[in-house]
Protein backbone atom coordinates (compact mmCIF):
# COMPACT_ATOMS: atom_id res chain seq x y z
CA UNK A 1 2.91 15.63 20.28
CA UNK A 2 -0.31 17.64 20.27
CA UNK A 3 1.72 20.85 20.25
CA UNK A 4 3.72 19.58 17.28
CA UNK A 5 0.57 18.62 15.39
CA UNK A 6 -1.08 21.96 16.12
CA UNK A 7 2.01 23.91 15.05
CA UNK A 8 2.52 21.93 11.88
CA UNK A 9 5.73 20.12 10.99
CA UNK A 10 7.02 22.95 8.81
CA UNK A 11 6.95 25.31 11.79
CA UNK A 12 8.67 23.01 14.27
CA UNK A 13 12.40 23.10 14.89
CA UNK A 14 13.50 19.68 16.11
CA UNK A 15 16.14 19.45 18.82
CA UNK A 16 19.59 18.15 18.11
CA UNK A 17 19.55 15.55 20.88
CA UNK A 18 18.40 12.11 19.79
CA UNK A 19 18.11 8.68 21.41
CA UNK A 20 18.47 5.21 19.92
CA UNK A 21 15.11 3.48 19.58
CA UNK A 22 16.32 0.56 21.72
CA UNK A 23 16.97 2.96 24.60
CA UNK A 24 13.47 4.40 24.84
CA UNK A 25 10.02 3.13 25.73
CA UNK A 26 7.39 4.00 23.15
CA UNK A 27 4.15 5.33 24.57
CA UNK A 28 1.05 5.83 22.47
CA UNK A 29 1.83 8.60 19.96
CA UNK A 30 -1.08 10.58 21.44
CA UNK A 31 -1.68 9.18 24.94
CA UNK A 32 -4.87 11.24 25.44
CA UNK A 33 -6.41 12.12 22.08
CA UNK A 34 -8.87 15.02 22.25
CA UNK A 35 -11.51 12.77 20.70
CA UNK A 36 -11.61 9.21 19.43
CA UNK A 37 -14.06 7.88 16.87
CA UNK A 38 -14.09 4.49 15.21
CA UNK A 39 -15.83 3.98 11.90
CA UNK A 40 -17.21 0.87 10.20
CA UNK A 41 -15.81 1.14 6.68
CA UNK A 42 -15.09 -2.40 5.46
CA UNK A 43 -18.06 -4.26 4.01
CA UNK A 44 -16.45 -7.70 4.27
CA UNK A 45 -15.93 -7.18 8.02
CA UNK A 46 -19.61 -6.31 8.44
CA UNK A 47 -20.72 -9.34 6.46
CA UNK A 48 -18.42 -11.89 8.10
CA UNK A 49 -19.05 -10.63 11.62
CA UNK A 50 -22.79 -10.91 11.20
CA UNK A 51 -22.47 -14.29 9.51
CA UNK A 52 -20.71 -15.56 12.63
CA UNK A 53 -23.25 -14.41 15.21
CA UNK A 54 -24.22 -18.04 15.69
CA UNK A 55 -20.99 -18.40 17.66
CA UNK A 56 -22.71 -16.38 20.38
CA UNK A 57 -26.01 -18.23 20.37
CA UNK A 58 -27.63 -15.90 17.84
CA UNK A 59 -28.93 -18.39 15.31
CA UNK A 60 -28.19 -22.06 14.84
CA UNK A 61 -25.59 -21.91 12.08
CA UNK A 62 -23.31 -19.66 10.07
CA UNK A 63 -24.91 -17.60 7.33
CA UNK A 64 -23.34 -17.18 3.92
CA UNK A 65 -21.66 -13.74 4.20
CA UNK A 66 -22.87 -12.89 0.69
CA UNK A 67 -26.46 -13.28 1.92
CA UNK A 68 -26.10 -11.12 5.02
CA UNK A 69 -28.54 -8.22 4.98
CA UNK A 70 -26.81 -4.87 5.52
CA UNK A 71 -28.92 -1.80 6.24
CA UNK A 72 -29.11 0.73 3.40
CA UNK A 73 -27.87 3.49 5.71
CA UNK A 74 -24.47 1.76 6.04
CA UNK A 75 -23.82 2.37 2.33
CA UNK A 76 -25.10 5.93 2.51
CA UNK A 77 -22.91 7.25 5.33
CA UNK A 78 -19.85 6.16 7.35
CA UNK A 79 -21.24 5.03 10.71
CA UNK A 80 -19.06 5.43 13.81
CA UNK A 81 -19.05 5.21 17.60
CA UNK A 82 -17.07 7.33 20.05
CA UNK A 83 -14.34 5.52 21.96
CA UNK A 84 -12.73 6.17 25.33
CA UNK A 85 -9.70 8.50 24.97
CA UNK A 86 -8.63 7.68 28.55
CA UNK A 87 -8.03 3.97 27.85
CA UNK A 88 -5.22 4.44 25.32
CA UNK A 89 -1.94 2.49 25.46
CA UNK A 90 0.99 2.11 23.09
CA UNK A 91 3.47 -0.33 21.60
CA UNK A 92 4.55 -3.22 23.88
CA UNK A 93 1.96 -2.26 26.52
CA UNK A 94 0.09 -5.01 28.34
CA UNK A 95 -3.63 -5.19 27.72
CA UNK A 96 -5.41 -6.15 30.93
CA UNK A 97 -8.60 -7.97 30.06
CA UNK A 98 -11.74 -7.08 32.07
CA UNK A 99 -12.92 -9.65 34.61
CA UNK A 100 -16.45 -9.73 33.17
CA UNK A 101 -15.29 -11.04 29.77
CA UNK A 102 -13.97 -14.40 28.58
CA UNK A 103 -13.84 -13.67 24.85
CA UNK A 104 -10.67 -11.77 23.86
CA UNK A 105 -10.65 -10.22 20.41
CA UNK A 106 -8.42 -7.87 18.45
CA UNK A 107 -9.31 -5.57 15.54
CA UNK A 108 -6.87 -4.72 12.74
CA UNK A 109 -7.37 -1.03 11.93
CA UNK A 110 -5.67 2.16 10.80
CA UNK A 111 -6.01 5.36 12.80
CA UNK A 112 -6.14 8.68 10.95
CA UNK A 113 -4.79 11.65 12.94
CA UNK A 114 -6.30 15.08 12.30
CA UNK A 115 -3.69 17.80 11.80
CA UNK A 116 -5.71 20.83 10.80
CA UNK A 117 -9.07 21.55 12.34
CA UNK A 118 -12.15 22.55 10.45
CA UNK A 119 -15.90 22.31 10.10
CA UNK A 120 -18.00 21.15 7.16
CA UNK A 121 -14.86 20.04 5.33
CA UNK A 122 -15.48 19.14 1.69
CA UNK A 123 -14.45 15.64 0.64
CA UNK A 124 -12.08 17.08 -1.98
CA UNK A 125 -10.22 18.97 0.78
CA UNK A 126 -10.47 16.33 3.50
CA UNK A 127 -7.02 14.75 3.21
CA UNK A 128 -5.36 18.17 3.56
CA UNK A 129 -6.62 18.11 7.16
CA UNK A 130 -4.76 14.87 7.94
CA UNK A 131 -1.51 14.96 9.93
CA UNK A 132 -0.73 11.28 9.53
CA UNK A 133 -1.66 7.65 10.17
CA UNK A 134 -1.01 5.14 12.93
CA UNK A 135 -2.02 1.54 13.71
CA UNK A 136 -5.10 1.01 15.87
CA UNK A 137 -6.00 -2.17 17.77
CA UNK A 138 -9.57 -1.74 18.96
CA UNK A 139 -9.68 -4.56 21.52
CA UNK A 140 -13.18 -5.97 21.99
CA UNK A 141 -14.78 -7.98 24.78
CA UNK A 142 -16.96 -9.84 22.33
CA UNK A 143 -19.21 -11.68 24.76
CA UNK A 144 -20.12 -8.47 26.59
CA UNK A 145 -20.48 -6.55 23.34
CA UNK A 146 -23.04 -8.99 21.92
CA UNK A 147 -25.05 -8.96 25.15
CA UNK A 148 -25.26 -5.20 25.58
CA UNK A 149 -25.91 -4.33 21.93
CA UNK A 150 -29.17 -6.28 22.09
CA UNK A 151 -30.38 -3.21 23.96
CA UNK A 152 -30.09 -1.14 20.75
CA UNK A 153 -27.21 0.96 22.05
CA UNK A 154 -23.48 0.59 22.53
CA UNK A 155 -20.90 -0.71 22.40
CA UNK A 156 -20.11 0.31 25.95
CA UNK A 157 -18.33 -2.19 28.22
CA UNK A 158 -17.63 -4.32 25.18
CA UNK A 159 -15.07 -1.64 24.30
CA UNK A 160 -14.70 0.66 27.31
CA UNK A 161 -12.14 -0.80 29.67
CA UNK A 162 -8.66 0.37 30.68
CA UNK A 163 -5.94 -0.42 28.11
CA UNK A 164 -8.59 -1.29 25.52
CA UNK A 165 -7.34 1.05 22.76
CA UNK A 166 -3.78 0.50 21.50
CA UNK A 167 -2.09 2.91 19.07
CA UNK A 168 1.39 2.99 17.61
CA UNK A 169 4.18 2.36 17.28
CA UNK A 170 4.46 5.72 15.49
CA UNK A 171 2.49 8.24 13.47
CA UNK A 172 3.64 8.28 9.86
CA UNK A 173 2.99 11.72 8.43
CA UNK A 174 0.62 12.01 5.48
CA UNK A 175 3.36 13.12 3.11
CA UNK A 176 5.36 9.97 3.93
CA UNK A 177 2.48 7.52 3.74
CA UNK A 178 1.78 8.04 0.04
CA UNK A 179 -1.62 6.62 -0.90
CA UNK A 180 -3.53 5.82 2.33
CA UNK A 181 -5.99 3.77 0.30
CA UNK A 182 -3.38 1.17 -0.57
CA UNK A 183 -1.83 0.06 2.71
CA UNK A 184 -1.10 -3.61 3.36
CA UNK A 185 -2.47 -4.83 6.71
CA UNK A 186 -1.63 -7.97 8.69
CA UNK A 187 -2.29 -9.44 12.15
CA UNK A 188 -0.23 -12.13 13.88
CA UNK A 189 -0.93 -13.96 17.13
CA UNK A 190 2.14 -15.54 18.72
CA UNK A 191 3.89 -15.22 15.36
CA UNK A 192 1.13 -16.97 13.39
CA UNK A 193 -0.62 -14.94 10.71
CA UNK A 194 -4.33 -14.72 11.42
CA UNK A 195 -5.42 -11.80 9.23
CA UNK A 196 -4.42 -10.09 5.98
CA UNK A 197 -6.04 -7.17 4.18
CA UNK A 198 -5.60 -3.83 2.48
CA UNK A 199 -7.05 -0.36 3.05
CA UNK A 200 -8.12 -0.22 -0.60
CA UNK A 201 -11.14 -2.38 0.35
CA UNK A 202 -12.71 0.41 2.44
CA UNK A 203 -16.22 1.20 1.17
CA UNK A 204 -15.97 4.63 2.80
CA UNK A 205 -12.45 6.01 2.32
CA UNK A 206 -10.41 8.26 4.60
CA UNK A 207 -11.62 11.40 2.83
CA UNK A 208 -15.21 10.27 3.41
CA UNK A 209 -14.79 9.83 7.15
CA UNK A 210 -13.04 13.17 7.64
CA UNK A 211 -15.77 14.99 5.73
CA UNK A 212 -18.55 13.19 7.60
CA UNK A 213 -17.00 13.70 11.04
CA UNK A 214 -16.76 17.43 10.33
CA UNK A 215 -20.41 17.80 9.31
CA UNK A 216 -21.69 20.68 11.47
CA UNK A 217 -19.02 19.74 14.04
CA UNK A 218 -15.56 21.22 14.44
CA UNK A 219 -12.57 18.90 14.13
CA UNK A 220 -9.50 19.56 16.31
CA UNK A 221 -5.81 18.68 15.85
CA UNK A 222 -4.91 15.34 17.40
CA UNK A 223 -8.31 13.73 17.01
CA UNK A 224 -8.15 10.09 15.87
CA UNK A 225 -10.56 8.56 13.38
CA UNK A 226 -10.40 4.77 13.14
CA UNK A 227 -10.91 3.05 9.80
CA UNK A 228 -12.82 0.19 11.31
CA UNK A 229 -11.69 -3.41 11.01
CA UNK A 230 -10.42 -4.68 7.68
CA UNK A 231 -12.25 -7.70 6.28
CA UNK A 232 -11.05 -10.82 8.12
CA UNK A 233 -9.25 -8.60 10.63
CA UNK A 234 -10.62 -9.97 13.91
CA UNK A 235 -11.17 -13.28 15.66
CA UNK A 236 -14.93 -12.88 15.46
CA UNK A 237 -14.74 -13.31 11.68
CA UNK A 238 -12.35 -16.24 11.98
CA UNK A 239 -14.08 -18.14 14.77
CA UNK A 240 -10.99 -18.09 16.98
CA UNK A 241 -10.00 -15.94 19.93
CA UNK A 242 -7.03 -15.18 22.15
CA UNK A 243 -6.10 -16.16 25.69
CA UNK A 244 -3.90 -15.11 28.59
CA UNK A 245 -0.30 -14.47 27.56
CA UNK A 246 -0.92 -14.24 23.82
CA UNK A 247 1.05 -11.61 21.90
CA UNK A 248 -0.81 -9.81 19.13
CA UNK A 249 1.07 -7.93 16.41
CA UNK A 250 -0.61 -5.63 13.91
CA UNK A 251 1.45 -4.55 10.92
CA UNK A 252 0.58 -1.84 8.40
CA UNK A 253 2.84 -0.99 5.49
CA UNK A 254 4.55 2.35 5.87
CA UNK A 255 3.82 2.56 9.61
CA UNK A 256 5.37 -0.47 11.32
CA UNK A 257 4.32 -3.10 13.85
CA UNK A 258 2.16 -2.54 16.94
CA UNK A 259 2.74 -5.28 19.51
CA UNK A 260 0.79 -5.97 22.72
CA UNK A 261 0.52 -8.80 25.24
CA UNK A 262 -2.77 -9.99 26.70
CA UNK A 263 -2.99 -10.27 30.49
CA UNK A 264 -6.06 -12.32 31.38
CA UNK A 265 -5.37 -14.88 34.12
CA UNK A 266 -9.06 -15.84 34.10
CA UNK A 267 -8.85 -16.85 30.39
CA UNK A 268 -6.18 -19.53 30.05
CA UNK A 269 -7.77 -21.45 27.16
CA UNK A 270 -9.44 -20.48 23.94
CA UNK A 271 -13.23 -20.68 24.37
CA UNK A 272 -15.22 -23.62 23.06
CA UNK A 273 -17.55 -22.53 20.27
CA UNK A 274 -20.39 -21.79 19.89
CA UNK A 275 -20.75 -19.73 23.05
CA UNK A 276 -24.16 -19.34 24.69
CA UNK A 277 -24.51 -15.81 26.02
CA UNK A 278 -28.28 -15.26 25.99
């Protein structure tokens, strides 16, 4: 796939042999991305996540999301962290939850795939560097994440564990996706809809994150830039979490459905809230 992305679709001659989708196992479209970054682009997600910190013993009650204080810098630039490119899995893969965590959370995101490298890319040219878009489930060990980030760094083990980054089921090329800032997003757990949203609610759009990532730093084909979680797109915002055996489906219009099963024998019930972690 990386070779195809680097060559460009117009230069690739596809083979004549094809296989029915039911006869193949889908791996992650890019099993080892050259680099993985995840941004924080949806204001509602920031507000609702911080409003619910009381669930983890941080405060005595939920704050009104409209009254949550967000740092000025968040509005000024698209903040991101670098993820683990070695923990990537694809559609229908099992997600093996780490033994140190009891709080299983999903994140409903879109992954942008860089097609053409560059440095100091202007915002007006940014989308011409995009190969396509995929679905990204940024699984999060919430209890560990809230503990470690009190140290003013991270996330580390709240995100970095094998099978913790799921991508798929496909990459839809940029020319087929149409307007990336108007994609319907939905999450279902065991068939029940938990989350709905749309990429149009990004405060920092896809062009913004490409331009910012390239600031005095070269982008390479195959890199993945995550949109961050859509507002209402994770259990942390909803006050409900998953357990062993649950099946999580993320759906994004124009891309498809990414499905994964949680394997966590040590977490057989949803946690009782609030959770004391301090």
